[in-house]
N, C-alpha and C. Protein backbone atom coordinates (compact mmCIF):
# COMPACT_ATOMS: atom_id res chain seq x y z
N UNK A 1 55.95 24.88 40.44
CA UNK A 1 55.42 23.54 40.60
C UNK A 1 55.58 23.14 42.05
N UNK A 2 54.51 22.65 42.69
CA UNK A 2 54.61 22.24 44.08
C UNK A 2 55.00 20.77 44.16
N UNK A 3 55.19 20.26 45.37
CA UNK A 3 55.69 18.90 45.58
C UNK A 3 54.73 17.82 45.07
N UNK A 4 53.43 18.11 44.98
CA UNK A 4 52.48 17.09 44.53
C UNK A 4 52.35 17.03 43.01
N UNK A 5 52.82 18.06 42.30
CA UNK A 5 52.74 18.06 40.85
C UNK A 5 53.91 17.28 40.27
N UNK A 6 53.67 16.62 39.14
CA UNK A 6 54.74 15.90 38.48
C UNK A 6 54.98 16.49 37.10
N UNK A 7 56.19 16.33 36.63
CA UNK A 7 56.52 16.79 35.29
C UNK A 7 55.94 15.80 34.29
N UNK A 8 55.23 16.28 33.27
CA UNK A 8 54.66 15.37 32.27
C UNK A 8 55.76 14.62 31.52
N UNK A 9 55.45 13.39 31.13
CA UNK A 9 56.38 12.60 30.33
C UNK A 9 56.55 13.27 28.97
N UNK A 10 57.73 13.13 28.34
CA UNK A 10 57.94 13.76 27.02
C UNK A 10 56.89 13.38 25.99
N UNK A 11 56.43 12.14 26.00
CA UNK A 11 55.41 11.71 25.03
C UNK A 11 54.13 12.51 25.24
N UNK A 12 53.73 12.72 26.48
CA UNK A 12 52.52 13.48 26.76
C UNK A 12 52.68 14.95 26.38
N UNK A 13 53.87 15.50 26.58
CA UNK A 13 54.12 16.88 26.20
C UNK A 13 53.96 17.03 24.69
N UNK A 14 54.55 16.10 23.92
CA UNK A 14 54.45 16.17 22.46
C UNK A 14 53.01 15.99 22.01
N UNK A 15 52.29 15.04 22.61
CA UNK A 15 50.87 14.84 22.24
C UNK A 15 50.07 16.12 22.42
N UNK A 16 50.27 16.79 23.54
CA UNK A 16 49.53 18.03 23.80
C UNK A 16 49.98 19.15 22.87
N UNK A 17 51.27 19.20 22.56
CA UNK A 17 51.81 20.27 21.73
C UNK A 17 51.49 20.07 20.24
N UNK A 18 50.98 18.90 19.88
CA UNK A 18 50.61 18.61 18.49
C UNK A 18 49.10 18.73 18.33
N UNK A 19 48.54 19.77 18.86
CA UNK A 19 47.09 19.94 18.84
C UNK A 19 46.50 20.31 17.50
N UNK A 20 47.33 20.83 16.60
CA UNK A 20 46.80 21.24 15.30
C UNK A 20 47.94 21.19 14.28
N UNK A 21 47.56 21.06 13.01
CA UNK A 21 48.53 21.04 11.92
C UNK A 21 49.22 22.40 11.80
N UNK A 22 50.33 22.39 11.09
CA UNK A 22 51.06 23.63 10.78
C UNK A 22 50.17 24.51 9.91
N UNK A 23 49.77 25.69 10.36
CA UNK A 23 48.86 26.54 9.57
C UNK A 23 49.51 27.10 8.31
N UNK A 24 50.83 27.02 8.20
CA UNK A 24 51.51 27.53 7.01
C UNK A 24 51.59 26.51 5.88
N UNK A 25 51.15 25.29 6.13
CA UNK A 25 51.18 24.26 5.09
C UNK A 25 49.83 24.17 4.39
N UNK A 26 49.87 24.02 3.08
CA UNK A 26 48.66 23.75 2.30
C UNK A 26 48.28 22.28 2.52
N UNK A 27 47.03 21.91 2.34
CA UNK A 27 46.62 20.52 2.57
C UNK A 27 47.51 19.48 1.87
N UNK A 28 47.91 19.75 0.62
CA UNK A 28 48.72 18.79 -0.11
C UNK A 28 50.16 18.71 0.42
N UNK A 29 50.55 19.64 1.28
CA UNK A 29 51.88 19.62 1.89
C UNK A 29 51.90 18.87 3.22
N UNK A 30 50.75 18.57 3.75
CA UNK A 30 50.66 17.84 5.03
C UNK A 30 50.77 16.36 4.73
N UNK A 31 52.01 15.88 4.79
CA UNK A 31 52.31 14.53 4.33
C UNK A 31 52.65 13.59 5.47
N UNK A 32 52.48 12.31 5.17
CA UNK A 32 52.94 11.24 6.03
C UNK A 32 53.60 10.22 5.13
N UNK A 33 54.80 9.80 5.52
CA UNK A 33 55.49 8.75 4.75
C UNK A 33 55.90 7.62 5.67
N UNK A 34 55.77 6.41 5.16
CA UNK A 34 56.27 5.21 5.82
C UNK A 34 57.24 4.59 4.82
N UNK A 35 58.43 4.21 5.27
CA UNK A 35 59.47 3.74 4.36
C UNK A 35 60.23 2.58 4.98
N UNK A 36 60.47 1.56 4.16
CA UNK A 36 61.35 0.47 4.57
C UNK A 36 61.89 -0.21 3.32
N UNK A 37 63.01 -0.91 3.48
CA UNK A 37 63.59 -1.68 2.38
C UNK A 37 63.72 -3.14 2.82
N UNK A 38 64.09 -3.96 1.91
CA UNK A 38 64.08 -5.41 2.13
C UNK A 38 64.78 -5.87 3.42
N UNK A 39 65.98 -5.40 3.73
CA UNK A 39 66.63 -5.91 4.94
C UNK A 39 66.18 -5.26 6.25
N UNK A 40 65.34 -4.22 6.16
CA UNK A 40 64.97 -3.46 7.36
C UNK A 40 64.08 -4.25 8.30
N UNK A 41 64.34 -4.07 9.59
CA UNK A 41 63.49 -4.64 10.63
C UNK A 41 62.54 -3.60 11.20
N UNK A 42 62.72 -2.34 10.76
CA UNK A 42 61.88 -1.25 11.24
C UNK A 42 61.37 -0.46 10.05
N UNK A 43 60.18 0.10 10.20
CA UNK A 43 59.61 0.99 9.19
C UNK A 43 59.82 2.42 9.70
N UNK A 44 60.44 3.23 8.87
CA UNK A 44 60.68 4.63 9.23
C UNK A 44 59.46 5.45 8.85
N UNK A 45 59.16 6.47 9.65
CA UNK A 45 58.02 7.34 9.34
C UNK A 45 58.39 8.79 9.54
N UNK A 46 57.67 9.63 8.81
CA UNK A 46 57.70 11.07 9.02
C UNK A 46 56.29 11.57 8.74
N UNK A 47 55.78 12.42 9.61
CA UNK A 47 54.45 12.97 9.40
C UNK A 47 54.39 14.43 9.83
N UNK A 48 53.56 15.18 9.11
CA UNK A 48 53.25 16.56 9.48
C UNK A 48 51.77 16.69 9.82
N UNK A 49 51.09 15.57 9.97
CA UNK A 49 49.66 15.57 10.31
C UNK A 49 49.52 15.40 11.83
N UNK A 50 48.92 16.41 12.47
CA UNK A 50 48.83 16.43 13.92
C UNK A 50 48.19 15.17 14.50
N UNK A 51 47.13 14.68 13.86
CA UNK A 51 46.46 13.48 14.39
C UNK A 51 47.39 12.27 14.37
N UNK A 52 48.22 12.15 13.35
CA UNK A 52 49.17 11.04 13.29
C UNK A 52 50.37 11.27 14.20
N UNK A 53 50.77 12.51 14.38
CA UNK A 53 51.84 12.80 15.35
C UNK A 53 51.44 12.28 16.71
N UNK A 54 50.20 12.62 17.12
CA UNK A 54 49.73 12.22 18.46
C UNK A 54 49.70 10.69 18.61
N UNK A 55 49.27 9.98 17.57
CA UNK A 55 49.18 8.53 17.66
C UNK A 55 50.54 7.85 17.55
N UNK A 56 51.38 8.32 16.64
CA UNK A 56 52.69 7.68 16.46
C UNK A 56 53.60 7.91 17.65
N UNK A 57 53.57 9.09 18.24
CA UNK A 57 54.42 9.33 19.41
C UNK A 57 53.95 8.50 20.60
N UNK A 58 52.65 8.21 20.66
CA UNK A 58 52.10 7.43 21.77
C UNK A 58 52.28 5.93 21.60
N UNK A 59 52.59 5.47 20.39
CA UNK A 59 52.73 4.03 20.15
C UNK A 59 53.86 3.49 21.01
N UNK A 60 53.61 2.44 21.78
CA UNK A 60 54.63 1.93 22.71
C UNK A 60 55.89 1.40 22.02
N UNK A 61 55.81 1.10 20.74
CA UNK A 61 56.97 0.57 20.01
C UNK A 61 57.70 1.64 19.21
N UNK A 62 57.21 2.88 19.23
CA UNK A 62 57.86 3.96 18.48
C UNK A 62 59.20 4.33 19.09
N UNK A 63 60.17 4.52 18.22
CA UNK A 63 61.44 5.13 18.59
C UNK A 63 61.47 6.46 17.86
N UNK A 64 61.46 7.54 18.63
CA UNK A 64 61.38 8.87 18.04
C UNK A 64 62.78 9.41 17.77
N UNK A 65 63.02 9.78 16.52
CA UNK A 65 64.31 10.35 16.11
C UNK A 65 64.34 11.85 16.35
N UNK A 66 63.25 12.54 15.94
CA UNK A 66 63.20 13.99 16.12
C UNK A 66 61.77 14.49 16.06
N UNK A 67 61.59 15.66 16.64
CA UNK A 67 60.30 16.35 16.66
C UNK A 67 60.52 17.72 16.03
N UNK A 68 59.64 18.11 15.11
CA UNK A 68 59.74 19.42 14.47
C UNK A 68 58.76 20.36 15.15
N UNK A 69 59.23 21.55 15.51
CA UNK A 69 58.37 22.53 16.15
C UNK A 69 58.28 23.78 15.27
N UNK A 70 57.20 24.50 15.44
CA UNK A 70 56.99 25.75 14.69
C UNK A 70 57.44 26.91 15.56
N UNK A 71 58.41 27.66 15.06
CA UNK A 71 58.89 28.87 15.75
C UNK A 71 58.86 30.00 14.73
N UNK A 72 57.71 30.65 14.58
CA UNK A 72 57.55 31.70 13.58
C UNK A 72 57.71 31.10 12.19
N UNK A 73 58.68 31.58 11.44
CA UNK A 73 58.94 31.05 10.10
C UNK A 73 59.88 29.85 10.11
N UNK A 74 60.44 29.52 11.24
CA UNK A 74 61.40 28.42 11.35
C UNK A 74 60.72 27.13 11.77
N UNK A 75 61.33 25.99 11.41
CA UNK A 75 60.84 24.67 11.79
C UNK A 75 62.01 23.82 12.28
N UNK A 76 62.58 24.19 13.45
CA UNK A 76 63.72 23.43 13.96
C UNK A 76 63.28 22.05 14.47
N UNK A 77 64.24 21.13 14.47
CA UNK A 77 63.97 19.81 15.04
C UNK A 77 64.60 19.73 16.43
N UNK A 78 63.98 18.92 17.26
CA UNK A 78 64.44 18.73 18.64
C UNK A 78 64.35 17.26 19.00
N UNK A 79 65.07 16.90 20.04
CA UNK A 79 64.90 15.58 20.62
C UNK A 79 63.57 15.56 21.36
N UNK A 80 63.01 14.37 21.53
CA UNK A 80 61.72 14.21 22.19
C UNK A 80 61.68 14.91 23.55
N UNK A 81 62.72 14.75 24.34
CA UNK A 81 62.71 15.31 25.70
C UNK A 81 63.05 16.80 25.75
N UNK A 82 63.27 17.42 24.58
CA UNK A 82 63.54 18.86 24.54
C UNK A 82 62.30 19.68 24.20
N UNK A 83 61.17 19.02 23.95
CA UNK A 83 59.94 19.73 23.60
C UNK A 83 59.29 20.26 24.86
N UNK A 84 58.90 21.54 24.81
CA UNK A 84 58.26 22.19 25.95
C UNK A 84 56.74 22.21 25.77
N UNK A 85 56.04 22.36 26.87
CA UNK A 85 54.57 22.35 26.85
C UNK A 85 54.00 23.47 25.98
N UNK A 86 54.71 24.58 25.83
CA UNK A 86 54.18 25.69 25.04
C UNK A 86 54.66 25.67 23.58
N UNK A 87 55.36 24.62 23.16
CA UNK A 87 55.77 24.47 21.76
C UNK A 87 54.58 24.07 20.90
N UNK A 88 54.70 24.32 19.59
CA UNK A 88 53.71 23.86 18.62
C UNK A 88 54.40 22.81 17.77
N UNK A 89 54.14 21.55 18.05
CA UNK A 89 54.75 20.44 17.32
C UNK A 89 54.05 20.28 15.97
N UNK A 90 54.85 20.28 14.88
CA UNK A 90 54.28 20.18 13.53
C UNK A 90 54.87 19.04 12.72
N UNK A 91 55.77 18.25 13.30
CA UNK A 91 56.35 17.13 12.57
C UNK A 91 56.95 16.12 13.53
N UNK A 92 57.00 14.86 13.07
CA UNK A 92 57.55 13.78 13.88
C UNK A 92 58.25 12.79 12.98
N UNK A 93 59.48 12.42 13.36
CA UNK A 93 60.26 11.43 12.61
C UNK A 93 60.68 10.32 13.57
N UNK A 94 60.48 9.08 13.12
CA UNK A 94 60.86 7.96 13.97
C UNK A 94 60.73 6.65 13.23
N UNK A 95 60.64 5.57 14.01
CA UNK A 95 60.49 4.24 13.41
C UNK A 95 59.70 3.33 14.33
N UNK A 96 59.19 2.28 13.71
CA UNK A 96 58.42 1.23 14.41
C UNK A 96 58.90 -0.12 13.90
N UNK A 97 58.73 -1.18 14.68
CA UNK A 97 59.06 -2.50 14.15
C UNK A 97 58.21 -2.79 12.92
N UNK A 98 58.79 -3.41 11.91
CA UNK A 98 58.07 -3.69 10.68
C UNK A 98 56.83 -4.54 10.95
N UNK A 99 56.84 -5.30 12.03
CA UNK A 99 55.72 -6.16 12.38
C UNK A 99 54.44 -5.44 12.73
N UNK A 100 54.49 -4.14 13.00
CA UNK A 100 53.26 -3.40 13.31
C UNK A 100 52.52 -2.98 12.05
N UNK A 101 53.20 -3.04 10.90
CA UNK A 101 52.60 -2.60 9.65
C UNK A 101 51.82 -3.74 9.01
N UNK A 102 50.59 -3.45 8.59
CA UNK A 102 49.72 -4.44 7.97
C UNK A 102 48.86 -3.75 6.93
N UNK A 103 48.86 -4.27 5.73
CA UNK A 103 47.98 -3.77 4.68
C UNK A 103 46.82 -4.74 4.58
N UNK A 104 45.63 -4.26 4.85
CA UNK A 104 44.46 -5.13 4.86
C UNK A 104 43.89 -5.33 3.45
N UNK A 105 43.20 -6.43 3.27
CA UNK A 105 42.56 -6.74 2.00
C UNK A 105 41.40 -5.79 1.72
N UNK A 106 40.60 -5.54 2.74
CA UNK A 106 39.43 -4.65 2.61
C UNK A 106 39.74 -3.32 3.30
N UNK A 107 39.22 -2.23 2.76
CA UNK A 107 39.48 -0.93 3.39
C UNK A 107 38.77 -0.79 4.74
N UNK A 108 39.32 0.11 5.56
CA UNK A 108 38.68 0.45 6.84
C UNK A 108 37.37 1.17 6.54
N UNK A 109 36.51 1.23 7.54
CA UNK A 109 35.26 1.98 7.39
C UNK A 109 35.52 3.47 7.29
N UNK A 110 36.57 3.95 7.97
CA UNK A 110 36.91 5.38 7.95
C UNK A 110 38.16 5.58 7.10
N UNK A 111 38.11 6.55 6.21
CA UNK A 111 39.27 6.87 5.38
C UNK A 111 40.21 7.86 6.05
N UNK A 112 39.91 8.26 7.29
CA UNK A 112 40.74 9.23 8.00
C UNK A 112 42.17 8.74 8.16
N UNK A 113 43.11 9.62 7.89
CA UNK A 113 44.52 9.25 7.98
C UNK A 113 44.93 8.76 9.36
N UNK A 114 44.42 9.38 10.40
CA UNK A 114 44.81 8.97 11.75
C UNK A 114 44.50 7.51 12.02
N UNK A 115 43.52 6.98 11.33
CA UNK A 115 43.11 5.60 11.59
C UNK A 115 44.06 4.55 11.05
N UNK A 116 45.14 4.95 10.38
CA UNK A 116 46.15 3.96 10.02
C UNK A 116 46.90 3.50 11.27
N UNK A 117 46.78 4.27 12.36
CA UNK A 117 47.34 3.89 13.65
C UNK A 117 46.18 3.74 14.62
N UNK A 118 46.04 2.57 15.19
CA UNK A 118 44.93 2.30 16.08
C UNK A 118 44.88 3.27 17.26
N UNK A 119 43.69 3.72 17.66
CA UNK A 119 43.61 4.61 18.83
C UNK A 119 43.95 3.89 20.13
N UNK A 120 44.11 2.58 20.08
CA UNK A 120 44.50 1.83 21.28
C UNK A 120 45.90 2.21 21.78
N UNK A 121 46.68 2.94 20.96
CA UNK A 121 48.00 3.37 21.42
C UNK A 121 47.88 4.31 22.61
N UNK A 122 46.70 4.89 22.83
CA UNK A 122 46.52 5.82 23.94
C UNK A 122 46.22 5.10 25.25
N UNK A 123 46.01 3.80 25.20
CA UNK A 123 45.70 3.05 26.42
C UNK A 123 46.92 2.30 26.90
N UNK A 124 46.96 2.04 28.18
CA UNK A 124 48.05 1.27 28.77
C UNK A 124 48.01 -0.17 28.32
N UNK A 125 46.81 -0.74 28.24
CA UNK A 125 46.63 -2.15 27.93
C UNK A 125 45.79 -2.26 26.68
N UNK A 126 46.39 -2.66 25.55
CA UNK A 126 45.62 -2.73 24.31
C UNK A 126 45.24 -4.16 23.94
N UNK A 127 44.99 -4.96 24.93
CA UNK A 127 44.50 -6.32 24.66
C UNK A 127 43.01 -6.34 24.49
């Protein structure tokens, strides 16, 4: 790396490394869960869907607990800043403030799972 190059931020490394789902999982095994209880101020999440990994890790309010990577038959977890550019990220665990969660009365136009998280998380200014 020369003096003009910069090291990518951990969030960007994970986004790039989550380019595709885990090929060893069947479609019904590619899950996303959101969980909270009455006293919680945060909603916990876990996902194995690459499109949601990319959006949830990019959300400015996300606190990432761990990242799961594919290493042959193993699926070790790592801290966000331990993920390398050549890793294959296949899972993400973290939390968001409960205030970001909203269940709408009418369904979205797209039933795609990634759309439960707005694509505006990829922009600096989402106003």
